[in-house]
Structures are given as structure tokens and as C-alpha cells.
Amino acid sequence: MKEMMKNTGILLAITVVAGLVLGLVYQITKDPIAEQDAKKKQEACQEVFADAASFEAMEVTQTDAAKWAAAGYGQESIDEVMSAVDASGDLLGYVITVTTKEGYGDIQFSIGVRMDGTLNGMSILSISETAGLGMRAEEVLKPQFANKRAEVFEYTKSGAAADNQIDAISGATITTNAVTNGVNAGLYYFRTQLGGGSDNE
């Protein structure tokens, strides 16, 4: 019994010490991690809106679930919206962060959209796809969206023949479809919730 109580006491002491150490580590690393996250977010915004002087977080308005699903975006979500303004404080457009679940894993990226609906480009924040195929989204898909204006993008396997067409990654159409639908979801949110483009609802 004494031995059992002794061992229990030792385990309790180890647990308490471990908890205190973890708490201390959390307090020490909390601010640097938050700073890194903020820096990463700022860099992503600047990447898709290079001429903006500053960005301000906006409340994400929940779209009507029925309309969202009817538009074909059941697997996409709008995570964050930032207004992009110039040095004079004039609104240039928005940075919209989207997560799509239509790939092999979740794909999260930000897109910069000007008030006329022109897509500046995208910044991929996280992606977990098939190595060598889906992971090529950064080099293959990302450049194709830059400076394009379309209400809805579509992907093609036979070569893009129109501004709204995106060449699919060879052997990775699931990833291509996921990213394309994610961009379309962001643009749909832009038109219906932010008053941009021509499809205001």
C-alpha cells in the first residue's frame, strides 16, 4: 500500500510538473506564433493585392445555405474576408480566403478580387494532395488565375481556349476541380455578399 501511494505521488508530481512546463512553453510561444500567423496572412494579402497599402478584417457574412448549395458550393467555405485599400483609403477590392474540401484533403487559399471582378491572383495557404500531382497546384494552377475576369471558371483537359478556362494539372483533375470550384465560390461570395461584379443579389 505504501509503495502504491508512493508511486501515485510520483506520477502526480510528474503530471503537475509536465503541466506547468507545457503551460510555460505555451505562454512563451503564444505571441511569436501569433506574430508569425499575422505575418503569413499579411504576406498572402500582399501577394494577391500588391498595390494595396493596408488590409482590414471584415465580418464574414453567412450566405443563404440553400442558395450556396444550389450554386454548387456545398464543399466550400469562406474563412476570412479582408478589405484592400490604397494609401488614400479608397477601396480597391477584397482578399477572400476559401477552404475547399473537394480535393484529396482540404485546400485553403486566398484570392484578391478587384471591385470590377478581376481576379488579381491567388496565394495557396495550405494543401495536402498527391505528391508530384496535386501539389503542383502552386506552379500550374496559380498563375492561370492571375489578372482574369470571369463570373465562373471551368477547367479543361484540352487546353484553355477562353479567359474563363483553366488547364487542368495532368493526372490531377480532382485537385484542379477543387481549386477551380473554390475560386468560383470566392467569386460568388464577392458578387452576392460584397456587392462586387454584376451579379448582386
Protein backbone atom coordinates (compact mmCIF):
# COMPACT_ATOMS: atom_id res chain seq x y z
CA MET A 1 0.00 0.00 0.00
CA LYS A 2 2.82 2.41 0.91
CA GLU A 3 4.59 1.54 -2.34
CA MET A 4 1.41 2.17 -4.31
CA MET A 5 0.87 5.53 -2.61
CA LYS A 6 4.50 6.44 -3.26
CA ASN A 7 4.20 5.60 -6.97
CA THR A 8 0.92 7.50 -7.18
CA GLY A 9 2.57 10.52 -5.59
CA ILE A 10 5.46 10.36 -8.04
CA LEU A 11 3.10 10.13 -11.03
CA LEU A 12 1.06 13.04 -9.69
CA ALA A 13 4.19 15.14 -9.23
CA ILE A 14 5.37 14.33 -12.77
CA THR A 15 1.95 15.23 -14.17
CA VAL A 16 1.86 18.54 -12.31
CA VAL A 17 5.40 19.45 -13.38
CA ALA A 18 4.68 18.45 -17.00
CA GLY A 19 1.52 20.55 -16.97
CA LEU A 20 3.40 23.56 -15.60
CA VAL A 21 6.14 23.16 -18.22
CA LEU A 22 3.61 22.89 -21.04
CA GLY A 23 1.79 25.94 -19.74
CA LEU A 24 5.05 27.87 -19.57
CA VAL A 25 6.03 26.82 -23.10
CA TYR A 26 2.60 27.87 -24.37
CA GLN A 27 2.90 31.31 -22.77
CA ILE A 28 6.39 31.76 -24.22
CA THR A 29 5.48 30.64 -27.75
CA LYS A 30 1.93 32.05 -27.95
CA ASP A 31 2.90 35.57 -29.05
CA PRO A 32 5.63 34.53 -31.54
CA ILE A 33 3.23 32.04 -33.16
CA ALA A 34 0.51 34.70 -33.38
CA GLU A 35 3.04 37.10 -34.91
CA GLN A 36 4.09 34.50 -37.49
CA ASP A 37 0.45 33.80 -38.37
CA ALA A 38 -0.23 37.51 -38.77
CA LYS A 39 2.90 37.89 -40.92
CA LYS A 40 1.89 34.95 -43.11
CA LYS A 41 -1.59 36.42 -43.52
CA GLN A 42 -0.17 39.84 -44.41
CA GLU A 43 2.19 38.30 -46.97
CA ALA A 44 -0.69 36.35 -48.55
CA CYS A 45 -2.78 39.53 -48.79
CA GLN A 46 0.11 41.48 -50.29
CA GLU A 47 0.76 38.70 -52.79
CA VAL A 48 -2.78 38.89 -54.19
CA PHE A 49 -3.13 42.67 -53.83
CA ALA A 50 0.34 44.12 -54.36
CA ASP A 51 -0.88 47.70 -54.83
CA ALA A 52 -2.91 47.82 -51.61
CA ALA A 53 -1.50 49.93 -48.77
CA SER A 54 -3.38 48.13 -45.99
CA PHE A 55 -5.88 45.41 -45.23
CA GLU A 56 -8.70 45.32 -42.71
CA ALA A 57 -10.55 42.23 -41.50
CA MET A 58 -14.27 42.16 -42.15
CA GLU A 59 -17.05 40.09 -40.69
CA VAL A 60 -17.77 37.03 -42.81
CA THR A 61 -21.45 37.11 -43.73
CA GLN A 62 -23.01 33.67 -43.81
CA THR A 63 -24.58 33.09 -47.19
CA ASP A 64 -28.03 31.59 -47.50
CA ALA A 65 -27.42 27.86 -47.17
CA ALA A 66 -29.97 26.90 -49.82
CA LYS A 67 -28.55 29.36 -52.35
CA TRP A 68 -24.98 28.35 -51.52
CA ALA A 69 -25.78 24.67 -52.08
CA ALA A 70 -27.85 25.41 -55.19
CA ALA A 71 -24.89 27.29 -56.64
CA GLY A 72 -22.85 24.10 -56.21
CA TYR A 73 -20.62 25.14 -53.31
CA GLY A 74 -21.52 22.60 -50.63
CA GLN A 75 -17.87 21.65 -50.08
CA GLU A 76 -16.51 25.19 -49.92
CA SER A 77 -16.39 27.67 -47.06
CA ILE A 78 -15.41 31.33 -46.76
CA ASP A 79 -12.95 31.60 -43.89
CA GLU A 80 -11.95 35.25 -43.90
CA VAL A 81 -12.51 38.47 -45.81
CA MET A 82 -10.14 41.46 -45.81
CA SER A 83 -10.82 44.79 -47.49
CA ALA A 84 -7.89 46.08 -49.54
CA VAL A 85 -7.42 49.86 -49.60
CA ASP A 86 -4.88 52.19 -51.19
CA ALA A 87 -2.82 54.88 -49.48
CA SER A 88 -5.73 57.34 -49.78
CA GLY A 89 -8.11 54.94 -48.07
CA ASP A 90 -10.02 54.11 -51.23
CA LEU A 91 -11.36 50.58 -51.50
CA LEU A 92 -9.61 48.57 -54.20
CA GLY A 93 -11.31 45.23 -53.58
CA TYR A 94 -11.14 42.27 -51.24
CA VAL A 95 -8.94 39.40 -50.20
CA ILE A 96 -11.13 36.34 -49.70
CA THR A 97 -9.83 33.19 -48.01
CA VAL A 98 -11.53 29.97 -49.08
CA THR A 99 -11.28 26.36 -47.98
CA THR A 100 -12.43 23.62 -50.33
CA LYS A 101 -12.90 20.01 -49.29
CA GLU A 102 -13.24 18.65 -52.81
CA GLY A 103 -9.60 17.59 -53.10
CA TYR A 104 -7.93 14.58 -51.51
CA GLY A 105 -7.50 16.83 -48.49
CA ASP A 106 -8.56 20.35 -47.55
CA ILE A 107 -7.10 23.13 -49.71
CA GLN A 108 -7.04 26.67 -48.36
CA PHE A 109 -6.08 29.72 -50.39
CA SER A 110 -6.66 33.46 -50.63
CA ILE A 111 -7.77 35.30 -53.75
CA GLY A 112 -7.57 39.02 -54.45
CA VAL A 113 -10.60 40.41 -56.29
CA ARG A 114 -10.92 43.96 -57.59
CA MET A 115 -14.24 45.76 -57.50
CA ASP A 116 -14.86 45.05 -61.18
CA GLY A 117 -14.45 41.32 -60.56
CA THR A 118 -10.90 40.99 -61.90
CA LEU A 119 -9.02 38.25 -60.08
CA ASN A 120 -5.52 39.50 -59.22
CA GLY A 121 -4.35 36.02 -58.34
CA MET A 122 -4.21 33.52 -55.53
CA SER A 123 -1.98 32.56 -52.64
CA ILE A 124 -2.17 28.94 -51.57
CA LEU A 125 -2.02 28.76 -47.77
CA SER A 126 -2.26 25.00 -47.20
CA ILE A 127 -2.65 21.98 -49.43
CA SER A 128 -2.37 18.26 -48.85
CA GLU A 129 -2.59 16.42 -52.13
CA THR A 130 -0.84 13.62 -54.01
CA ALA A 131 2.87 14.39 -54.14
CA GLY A 132 4.02 15.32 -57.63
CA LEU A 133 0.47 15.76 -58.93
CA GLY A 134 -1.93 17.77 -56.80
CA MET A 135 0.99 19.52 -55.11
CA ARG A 136 1.75 21.12 -58.49
CA ALA A 137 -1.21 23.44 -57.98
CA GLU A 138 1.21 26.16 -56.91
CA GLU A 139 3.15 26.14 -60.18
CA VAL A 140 0.45 25.05 -62.64
CA LEU A 141 -2.90 26.42 -61.46
CA LYS A 142 -2.00 29.53 -59.52
CA PRO A 143 -0.54 31.55 -62.47
CA GLN A 144 -3.56 30.80 -64.66
CA PHE A 145 -5.97 32.76 -62.46
CA ALA A 146 -3.88 35.95 -62.39
CA ASN A 147 -5.49 39.04 -63.95
CA LYS A 148 -8.51 37.09 -65.20
CA ARG A 149 -12.11 38.29 -65.08
CA ALA A 150 -14.85 35.69 -65.23
CA GLU A 151 -18.07 35.03 -63.37
CA VAL A 152 -17.36 31.30 -63.33
CA PHE A 153 -14.14 29.49 -64.17
CA GLU A 154 -14.03 25.99 -65.63
CA TYR A 155 -11.17 23.59 -66.20
CA THR A 156 -10.32 21.84 -69.42
CA LYS A 157 -8.07 18.94 -70.35
CA SER A 158 -7.62 20.06 -73.93
CA GLY A 159 -6.03 23.47 -73.49
CA ALA A 160 -7.61 26.74 -72.41
CA ALA A 161 -9.38 28.47 -75.31
CA ALA A 162 -11.14 31.21 -73.31
CA ASP A 163 -10.31 33.51 -70.39
CA ASN A 164 -12.55 31.56 -68.05
CA GLN A 165 -10.87 28.24 -68.83
CA ILE A 166 -8.06 26.73 -66.74
CA ASP A 167 -5.73 24.00 -67.98
CA ALA A 168 -6.04 21.01 -65.66
CA ILE A 169 -2.99 19.52 -63.98
CA SER A 170 -2.20 16.37 -65.94
CA GLY A 171 -3.28 13.39 -63.84
CA ALA A 172 -4.75 15.57 -61.09
CA THR A 173 -8.19 16.67 -62.25
CA ILE A 174 -9.63 16.23 -58.74
CA THR A 175 -7.25 18.86 -57.39
CA THR A 176 -7.87 21.11 -60.40
CA ASN A 177 -11.63 20.80 -59.90
CA ALA A 178 -11.31 21.53 -56.18
CA VAL A 179 -9.25 24.69 -56.69
CA THR A 180 -11.45 25.91 -59.56
CA ASN A 181 -14.63 25.41 -57.53
CA GLY A 182 -13.01 27.13 -54.56
CA VAL A 183 -12.18 30.18 -56.69
CA ASN A 184 -15.72 30.20 -58.06
CA ALA A 185 -17.10 30.05 -54.52
CA GLY A 186 -14.98 33.06 -53.56
CA LEU A 187 -16.20 34.98 -56.60
CA TYR A 188 -19.80 34.02 -55.86
CA TYR A 189 -19.41 35.37 -52.32
CA PHE A 190 -17.83 38.52 -53.76
CA ARG A 191 -20.81 39.15 -56.04
CA THR A 192 -23.60 38.19 -53.67
CA GLN A 193 -22.29 39.40 -50.31
CA LEU A 194 -19.80 42.17 -51.09
CA GLY A 195 -21.64 43.90 -53.91
CA GLY A 196 -18.90 43.38 -56.45
CA GLY A 197 -19.23 42.49 -60.11
CA SER A 198 -22.63 42.46 -61.76
CA ASP A 199 -24.45 39.56 -60.09
CA ASN A 200 -25.71 41.38 -56.99
CA GLU A 201 -28.39 39.59 -55.01
